[in-house]
Every structure is written in C-alpha cells, then in structure tokens.
Protein backbone atom coordinates (compact mmCIF):
# COMPACT_ATOMS: atom_id res chain seq x y z
CA MET A 1 7.98 -9.48 -0.90
CA GLN A 2 6.57 -7.55 1.92
CA LYS A 3 8.87 -5.12 3.67
CA GLY A 4 9.28 -4.49 7.32
CA ILE A 5 8.87 -8.18 8.38
CA PHE A 6 11.49 -9.33 10.81
CA LEU A 7 11.79 -12.68 8.95
CA HIS A 8 13.77 -10.78 6.29
CA ASN A 9 15.90 -8.91 8.68
CA ILE A 10 19.58 -9.66 8.40
CA TRP A 11 20.09 -10.24 12.14
CA PHE A 12 17.15 -12.73 12.27
CA ARG A 13 18.68 -14.56 9.23
CA ILE A 14 22.02 -14.80 11.09
CA THR A 15 20.83 -15.84 14.65
CA ALA A 16 17.73 -17.88 13.82
CA PRO A 17 19.53 -20.65 12.01
CA VAL A 18 22.04 -21.01 14.93
CA VAL A 19 19.23 -21.28 17.53
CA ALA A 20 17.14 -23.50 15.25
CA GLY A 21 20.16 -25.70 14.47
CA PHE A 22 20.93 -26.17 18.10
CA LEU A 23 17.37 -26.97 18.83
CA ALA A 24 17.24 -29.53 16.04
CA TYR A 25 20.45 -31.07 17.31
CA LEU A 26 18.87 -31.48 20.81
CA LEU A 27 15.79 -33.09 19.23
CA VAL A 28 17.99 -35.45 17.27
CA LEU A 29 19.94 -36.53 20.40
CA LEU A 30 16.66 -36.92 22.22
CA PHE A 31 15.28 -39.13 19.47
CA PHE A 32 18.29 -41.39 19.36
CA ASP A 33 18.52 -41.40 23.18
CA SER A 34 21.98 -39.75 23.12
CA LEU A 35 21.11 -36.69 25.17
CA THR A 36 23.62 -37.93 27.89
CA ASN A 37 26.37 -37.38 25.35
CA LEU A 38 25.58 -33.72 24.84
CA SER A 39 28.45 -32.51 27.03
CA GLU A 40 30.82 -34.56 24.99
CA ASN A 41 29.48 -33.44 21.55
CA ILE A 42 28.45 -29.96 22.36
CA LEU A 43 30.95 -28.58 19.80
CA GLY A 44 31.08 -31.72 17.72
CA GLN A 45 30.81 -32.18 14.00
CA GLU A 46 27.15 -33.26 14.23
CA LEU A 47 26.23 -29.93 15.75
CA LEU A 48 28.16 -27.94 13.15
CA PHE A 49 26.41 -29.91 10.49
CA THR A 50 22.96 -29.33 12.00
CA VAL A 51 23.57 -25.56 12.21
CA LEU A 52 24.75 -25.43 8.62
CA LEU A 53 21.76 -27.45 7.57
CA SER A 54 19.62 -24.90 9.45
CA CYS A 55 21.27 -22.00 7.61
CA VAL A 56 20.57 -23.58 4.24
CA PHE A 57 16.97 -24.31 5.28
CA PHE A 58 16.31 -20.70 6.38
CA GLU A 59 17.87 -19.23 3.30
CA GLY A 60 15.86 -21.55 1.11
CA GLN A 61 12.65 -20.48 2.90
CA HIS A 62 13.65 -16.88 2.48
CA LEU A 63 14.24 -17.17 -1.23
CA LEU A 64 10.86 -19.12 -1.45
CA LEU A 65 9.02 -16.03 0.10
CA ALA A 66 10.86 -13.72 -2.33
CA LYS A 67 9.80 -15.74 -5.33
CA ILE A 68 6.34 -16.80 -4.32
CA SER A 69 5.19 -13.36 -3.40
CA ASN A 70 5.59 -12.15 -7.03
CA LEU A 71 3.26 -14.68 -8.42
CA LYS A 72 -0.24 -13.38 -9.58
CA SER A 73 -2.10 -16.27 -7.82
CA TYR A 74 -0.48 -15.11 -4.54
CA THR A 75 -2.90 -12.35 -4.06
CA GLU A 76 -6.03 -14.04 -5.48
CA SER A 77 -7.35 -15.61 -2.25
CA ILE A 78 -5.96 -16.20 1.29
CA GLU A 79 -6.81 -19.84 1.04
CA LYS A 80 -4.85 -20.41 -2.11
CA THR A 81 -1.93 -18.39 -0.77
CA VAL A 82 -1.69 -20.35 2.43
CA PHE A 83 -1.86 -23.65 0.55
CA LEU A 84 0.53 -22.60 -2.05
CA GLN A 85 3.11 -21.19 0.33
CA ILE A 86 3.01 -23.99 2.90
CA SER A 87 3.13 -26.81 0.36
CA SER A 88 5.94 -25.15 -1.48
CA GLY A 89 7.78 -24.67 1.84
CA LEU A 90 7.38 -28.38 2.61
CA ALA A 91 8.71 -29.38 -0.79
CA VAL A 92 11.68 -26.95 -0.45
CA THR A 93 12.39 -28.35 3.03
CA VAL A 94 12.45 -31.97 1.99
CA PHE A 95 14.62 -30.99 -1.08
CA ILE A 96 17.06 -29.17 0.95
CA VAL A 97 17.34 -31.60 3.94
CA SER A 98 17.54 -34.61 1.64
CA GLY A 99 20.18 -32.98 -0.56
CA VAL A 100 22.38 -31.74 2.24
CA MET A 101 22.10 -34.99 4.22
CA GLY A 102 22.80 -37.04 1.19
CA PHE A 103 25.96 -35.06 0.49
CA TYR A 104 27.03 -35.18 4.16
CA PHE A 105 26.37 -38.90 4.78
CA SER A 106 27.36 -40.23 1.36
CA ILE A 107 30.33 -38.04 0.49
CA ILE A 108 31.77 -36.91 3.80
CA LEU A 109 30.91 -39.87 6.15
CA GLY A 110 30.72 -42.57 3.48
CA TYR A 111 27.48 -44.00 4.77
CA SER A 112 25.29 -45.84 2.19
CA LYS A 113 22.19 -46.13 4.30
CA PHE A 114 20.83 -43.29 6.45
CA VAL A 115 17.01 -43.67 5.97
CA ARG A 116 16.26 -43.32 9.68
CA GLU A 117 18.40 -40.17 10.11
CA LEU A 118 16.87 -38.70 6.92
CA LEU A 119 13.31 -39.27 8.25
CA VAL A 120 14.16 -37.69 11.65
CA PHE A 121 15.75 -34.58 10.16
CA ASN A 122 13.01 -34.14 7.55
CA SER A 123 10.36 -34.43 10.32
CA ILE A 124 12.19 -31.80 12.46
CA PHE A 125 12.63 -29.39 9.72
CA ILE A 126 9.13 -29.88 8.28
CA VAL A 127 7.83 -28.71 11.66
CA PHE A 128 10.28 -25.75 11.47
CA SER A 129 8.90 -24.88 7.96
CA ILE A 130 5.31 -24.97 9.05
CA VAL A 131 6.09 -22.82 12.08
CA TYR A 132 8.13 -20.41 9.89
CA HIS A 133 5.34 -19.87 7.41
CA LEU A 134 2.52 -19.61 10.07
CA VAL A 135 4.57 -16.91 11.72
CA TYR A 136 4.94 -15.15 8.36
CA PHE A 137 1.10 -15.31 7.76
CA SER A 138 0.36 -14.09 11.21
CA ILE A 139 2.54 -11.02 10.72
CA ILE A 140 0.96 -10.45 7.18
CA LEU A 141 -2.57 -10.70 8.55
CA LEU A 142 -1.71 -8.35 11.43
CA GLN A 143 -0.26 -5.91 8.85
CA PHE A 144 -3.50 -6.19 6.77
CA LYS A 145 -5.60 -5.58 9.90
CA ASN A 146 -3.47 -2.45 10.85
CA GLU A 147 -3.61 -1.14 7.27
CA ASP A 148 -7.41 -1.64 7.21
CA ALA A 149 -7.71 0.14 10.56
CA ILE A 150 -5.49 2.99 9.20
CA ALA A 151 -7.49 3.17 5.98
CA LYS A 152 -10.75 3.40 8.04
CA GLU A 153 -9.21 6.22 10.18
CA ILE A 154 -8.21 8.05 7.04
CA LYS A 155 -11.65 7.54 5.59
CA ASN A 156 -13.23 8.79 8.75
CA ARG A 157 -10.88 11.80 8.76
CA ASP A 158 -11.77 12.61 5.13
CA ALA A 159 -15.44 12.27 5.97
CA VAL A 160 -15.08 14.64 8.89
CA LEU A 161 -13.11 17.08 6.76
CA SER A 162 -15.74 16.77 4.03
CA GLU A 163 -18.52 17.42 6.54
CA LEU A 164 -16.67 20.41 7.90
CA GLN A 165 -16.21 21.87 4.37
CA ALA A 166 -19.88 21.16 3.64
CA PHE A 167 -20.72 22.75 6.94
CA GLN A 168 -18.65 25.86 6.22
CA ASN A 169 -20.25 26.07 2.74
CA ASP A 170 -23.78 25.74 4.06
CA LEU A 171 -23.17 28.46 6.62
CA ARG A 172 -23.28 30.99 3.80
CA PRO A 173 -20.86 33.56 5.31
CA GLU A 174 -22.06 36.34 2.87
CA ILE A 175 -25.67 35.90 4.06
CA PHE A 176 -24.49 35.67 7.68
CA TYR A 177 -22.53 38.93 7.55
CA SER A 178 -25.25 40.81 5.63
CA SER A 179 -27.90 39.58 8.02
CA PHE A 180 -25.84 40.42 10.98
CA GLU A 181 -25.25 43.94 9.75
CA SER A 182 -28.98 44.30 9.29
CA LEU A 183 -29.43 43.11 12.86
CA LEU A 184 -26.93 45.66 14.13
CA ILE A 185 -28.79 48.40 12.36
CA LEU A 186 -32.20 47.28 13.78
CA VAL A 187 -30.79 47.17 17.20
CA HIS A 188 -29.99 50.81 17.10
CA THR A 189 -33.05 51.91 15.17
CA ASP A 190 -35.98 49.61 15.95
CA LYS A 191 -35.49 47.39 18.97
CA ARG A 192 -38.93 45.65 18.56
CA ARG A 193 -38.23 44.68 15.02
CA SER A 194 -34.70 43.65 15.97
CA GLU A 195 -36.11 41.08 18.43
CA LYS A 196 -38.23 39.59 15.59
CA TYR A 197 -35.29 39.70 13.24
CA LEU A 198 -32.98 38.00 15.79
CA SER A 199 -35.52 35.20 16.39
CA VAL A 200 -35.84 34.50 12.69
CA PHE A 201 -32.04 34.91 12.22
CA SER A 202 -31.50 32.20 15.03
CA GLU A 203 -34.15 29.89 13.48
CA VAL A 204 -32.56 30.12 10.00
CA TYR A 205 -29.19 29.11 11.30
CA ARG A 206 -30.51 26.52 13.73
CA TYR A 207 -32.21 24.91 10.72
CA ILE A 208 -28.90 24.92 8.76
CA LEU A 209 -27.09 23.35 11.65
CA ASP A 210 -29.82 20.76 12.18
CA ALA A 211 -29.81 19.93 8.53
CA LYS A 212 -26.24 18.64 8.76
CA ARG A 213 -27.57 15.68 10.92
CA THR A 214 -30.37 14.55 8.55
CA GLU A 215 -30.55 13.56 4.94
CA LEU A 216 -34.21 14.57 4.25
CA VAL A 217 -36.68 17.08 5.77
CA GLU A 218 -40.35 17.64 5.42
CA MET A 219 -41.37 19.88 2.56
CA GLN A 220 -43.24 22.20 4.95
CA ASP A 221 -40.11 22.60 7.05
CA GLU A 222 -38.13 23.57 3.96
CA ILE A 223 -40.73 26.06 2.86
CA LYS A 224 -40.79 27.64 6.32
CA HIS A 225 -36.96 27.93 6.15
CA LEU A 226 -37.39 29.64 2.77
CA LYS A 227 -39.84 32.16 4.23
CA ASN A 228 -37.45 32.97 7.06
CA LEU A 229 -34.65 33.40 4.73
CA ILE A 230 -36.56 35.77 2.56
CA PHE A 231 -37.60 37.70 5.65
CA LEU A 232 -33.98 38.16 6.50
CA LEU A 233 -32.94 39.14 2.93
CA ASN A 234 -35.79 41.61 2.47
CA HIS A 235 -34.18 43.83 5.05
CA GLN A 236 -31.28 44.20 2.64
CA TYR A 237 -33.43 44.25 -0.54
CA ASN A 238 -36.21 46.51 0.86
CA ASN A 239 -38.92 43.90 0.47
CA ASP A 240 -38.27 43.53 -3.22
CA ILE A 241 -38.24 39.70 -2.97
CA SER A 242 -41.61 37.80 -2.77
CA VAL A 243 -42.58 34.23 -3.04
CA SER A 244 -46.10 32.86 -3.65
CA PHE A 245 -47.44 29.32 -3.41
CA SER A 246 -50.04 27.80 -5.73
CA ALA A 247 -51.23 24.18 -6.44
CA MET A 248 -49.38 22.86 -3.45
CA ASN A 249 -52.30 20.72 -1.98
CA ASN A 250 -52.55 16.95 -2.41
CA GLN A 251 -48.79 16.60 -2.68
CA TYR A 252 -47.63 12.98 -2.14
CA MET A 253 -43.93 13.67 -2.68
CA ASN A 254 -43.23 15.92 0.28
CA LYS A 255 -39.61 15.37 1.44
CA ILE A 256 -36.52 17.13 0.09
CA VAL A 257 -32.88 17.42 0.85
CA PRO A 258 -32.48 20.27 3.48
CA CYS A 259 -31.46 23.74 2.15
CA THR A 260 -32.14 22.93 -1.42
CA LEU A 261 -34.53 25.81 -1.72
CA GLN A 262 -32.05 28.10 -0.03
CA VAL A 263 -29.32 27.28 -2.55
CA ILE A 264 -31.72 27.81 -5.47
CA LEU A 265 -32.89 31.11 -3.93
CA GLU A 266 -29.30 32.41 -3.56
CA TYR A 267 -28.55 31.35 -7.10
CA ILE A 268 -31.50 33.29 -8.42
CA ILE A 269 -30.63 36.45 -6.39
CA SER A 270 -26.88 36.18 -7.43
CA GLU A 271 -27.71 36.03 -11.12
CA ASN A 272 -30.60 38.49 -11.36
CA ILE A 273 -31.18 42.19 -10.76
CA VAL A 274 -33.36 42.83 -7.74
CA ASN A 275 -34.46 46.41 -6.90
CA LYS A 276 -37.66 48.47 -6.45
CA GLU A 277 -38.10 48.84 -10.25
CA ILE A 278 -37.38 45.10 -10.91
CA PRO A 279 -38.61 43.17 -7.94
CA LEU A 280 -38.00 39.40 -7.75
CA ASN A 281 -41.27 37.42 -7.71
CA ILE A 282 -40.97 33.73 -7.27
CA GLU A 283 -43.81 31.31 -7.64
CA LEU A 284 -43.88 27.77 -6.16
CA SER A 285 -46.17 25.06 -7.37
CA ALA A 286 -46.00 21.34 -7.32
CA SER A 287 -47.38 18.55 -9.61
CA ASP A 288 -46.65 14.86 -9.90
CA GLY A 289 -43.88 14.88 -7.38
CA VAL A 290 -42.12 17.83 -8.90
CA LEU A 291 -41.63 21.29 -7.26
CA MET A 292 -41.69 24.02 -9.93
CA ILE A 293 -40.03 27.38 -9.10
CA LYS A 294 -40.95 30.01 -11.68
CA TYR A 295 -39.51 33.61 -11.74
CA ASP A 296 -38.86 36.48 -14.25
CA SER A 297 -35.25 36.71 -14.99
CA VAL A 298 -33.40 39.92 -15.54
CA LEU A 299 -29.79 38.85 -15.63
CA LYS A 300 -27.01 40.95 -14.15
CA LEU A 301 -24.23 42.09 -16.54
CA ASN A 302 -21.71 40.06 -14.39
CA ALA A 303 -24.01 37.02 -14.16
CA THR A 304 -21.76 33.91 -14.00
CA ASN A 305 -24.43 31.09 -14.32
CA ASN A 306 -22.52 29.20 -11.66
CA LEU A 307 -24.66 26.07 -10.98
CA LYS A 308 -22.08 24.10 -9.00
CA GLU A 309 -23.96 24.17 -5.72
CA ILE A 310 -27.32 23.42 -7.39
CA ASN A 311 -25.64 20.57 -9.26
CA ASP A 312 -24.28 19.23 -5.96
CA TYR A 313 -27.94 19.15 -4.49
CA SER A 314 -29.17 17.78 -7.76
CA ARG A 315 -26.93 14.74 -7.38
CA LYS A 316 -28.20 14.20 -3.85
CA LEU A 317 -31.83 14.36 -5.03
CA GLU A 318 -30.97 12.08 -7.94
CA TYR A 319 -29.72 9.45 -5.54
CA PHE A 320 -33.13 9.38 -3.75
CA THR A 321 -35.54 9.95 -6.71
CA GLY A 322 -33.63 9.01 -9.83
CA ASN A 323 -34.26 12.46 -11.20
CA CYS A 324 -32.17 15.54 -11.12
CA ILE A 325 -32.93 19.35 -10.89
CA LYS A 326 -33.84 20.65 -14.31
CA HIS A 327 -33.78 24.26 -15.74
CA GLY A 328 -36.07 25.59 -18.40
CA VAL A 329 -37.91 28.60 -19.83
CA THR A 330 -41.61 29.34 -19.43
CA SER A 331 -43.93 30.41 -22.17
CA ASP A 332 -43.60 34.11 -21.18
CA ASN A 333 -39.83 33.95 -21.40
CA GLY A 334 -39.42 33.51 -17.61
CA LYS A 335 -37.23 30.91 -15.97
CA ILE A 336 -38.32 27.67 -14.32
CA ILE A 337 -36.41 25.35 -12.06
CA GLN A 338 -37.88 21.86 -11.52
CA VAL A 339 -36.91 20.06 -8.30
CA PRO A 340 -37.88 16.36 -7.77
CA LEU A 341 -39.48 15.66 -4.45
CA ILE A 342 -39.28 12.46 -2.39
CA SER A 343 -42.15 10.26 -1.35
CA GLY A 344 -43.74 11.19 1.98
CA GLU A 345 -46.76 12.55 3.69
CA ILE A 346 -49.18 14.92 2.05
CA VAL A 347 -48.28 18.61 2.19
CA GLU A 348 -51.18 20.95 2.91
CA ALA A 349 -50.23 24.63 2.14
CA THR A 350 -52.56 27.49 1.34
CA ASP A 351 -52.02 30.11 -1.25
CA GLU A 352 -49.86 32.67 0.38
CA GLU A 353 -47.49 35.51 -0.52
CA ILE A 354 -44.69 37.02 1.47
C-alpha cells in the first residue's frame, strides 16, 4: 500500500463516510421523491443507517487497497491493475451494501422484500466505488510522474557532476601548473618566445575545453593537439621528447575520441625516464584503421603502470569501433600501443619530426 495518499489518512477515513453517507441519503430521497421530507428526517434512523453503511463501505475499500497492492500482478501492467482493482472494488461494494441492507431490512425492520431499495443503494455506492478508485489511480499516476521527474533531475545532476569530474580530470592540473610555471619563466627571460608559448598554451586548453562538447574529432586535429602538447612539455624536458610520423597516408579511419593521444603521452612520460641521456622518441604510424604508437621504454623505479585513464578511453573507443586500446612489445623490446581509429575522411600527413 502506497504511503502518503490522503485516502489512507485517518481524518479522511472519519469525515469522508459522513459526507458520502449524507450525499447518498439525499440521492435516495431524491430517487423516491421524498426530498420534501428532508427537514423531518434530517436526523432520522434512515440517515444514521446510510452514514453507517458509508463507513463500512469506505473501510471495505480501504482494506481492499491494502490487500490488492501486495499482489504480484498488481505491478505487472497498468491495464491489469486498473481492471483488477475496479472490478474487485465493485464486487466488494455489492457484497457490503447487500449484506448490510439485508441485515438492516430483514432483521431490524422485518421487511421481506426490498429489491428496489437494494438496487438504488447498490447503484449509488457503485458510483462511489468507481470515483474512489479513479481518485486513487489519479494520485498514483501523479506520484509516478513526479517520481519520474525527480529521477530525471537526479540523473541530470549526476550527469552534470560526472561531466564536471571528467572536465576536472581532463584539465590535467599537473601539466597546467608546470606549463604555467614555464610561461612565467619565459615572460622574464624571453618575451618573444613567451608569446609563442602562450599562444600554444591557450590553444591546448581551448582544445581540451572544446573536446568536452564533442564525442569525436578529426585525426589531424588530435595530432596537432599532440604536437602542441609536446611543444609545451619540451620546455620542461629540454626538448628530450620527440614524435615522428610514418605511413600515415591513405588512412580511411581518421576519427578518434578527443584527448586520447594526450592521455597516452602522459602515461608514457609518467612511467619512463626522460632526460638528455635517455630521450623519449615516439613513432606514430597507421595501418588498417589502427594507430600504432611505438617508443623505447626505460621504466622509472617508481613506475606504477596505472592504466586507469587509458582504459577509460579504451572503453569509449570500443563503443565506436568494437576494438579497444592494446599494449604490446616490439621486436626490439620497445613498447607499442595500438589505438583503433574510427571511420572518416582520409588523413594526409607527411613524415615529420618534432
């Protein structure tokens, strides 16, 4: 039984039968053309009987709701629920009205025939029963509508929070701070280079912000973002990071989830030693819709092999392509990461090294 419905409120259960009983009494007098005798019978035995009958009727409907709401079939479909509840309500109404009237007319008044009165009272209370259950269903449907609206609002809130969390993660605060520190140094040491650095810096974060509003980007845009990112990082790593492109022509799978290469680059840098003696050389090539990222790996002592973010992007790519990001070892003991690309226009890129 659903809670919070006024039909189950104790005050409604006390006042409604009195009001309904008085209304039923007026309808009975109107039917038998005895409305002129209302002033004489206003507190008569018939009115008291009608109110008591109304009390029994309402309690019977209340118990019916309590019982029927626990049935398994009650929640299977709205059509079955409406039919079951209204038909059961009519049956309970006829049973209560016929039983109470039979007791009153046969035992108390001593009448042997009261078919006409029985039909009148049953007709009135059947209408009451239909109205009672229609009001109940209107309240239930309104509650479902409100709950659905609340659920949608909660879902929207969670989506906003999820986007905010993803936004915060993609901003890469560690890169932001290190790049900003490099910018501050250049401002004081080389203003011309600082202008170039600031331009690339703004372009990198503009790309990250724009990426939040799109699911896929052109491969050339992602490569350009990778170049800009390496340009920023090389101020910190003294140009010890380089990337080259080979076999990138005639690529028919040229879309990718934005910032995928950025996440992979950050993973490679975080796991490997990068300095003047051991520079990081990354080679990008593509074949059969797969982007291959090869590099020589010299792991740090505190390398964690944390692939969480790469796995997150892998699931996104798997949604579009059916394939995930794969890790492997090359023939010369280097590392290779294979990224599935998404069907699109041809990418034309010349061999180039940063």
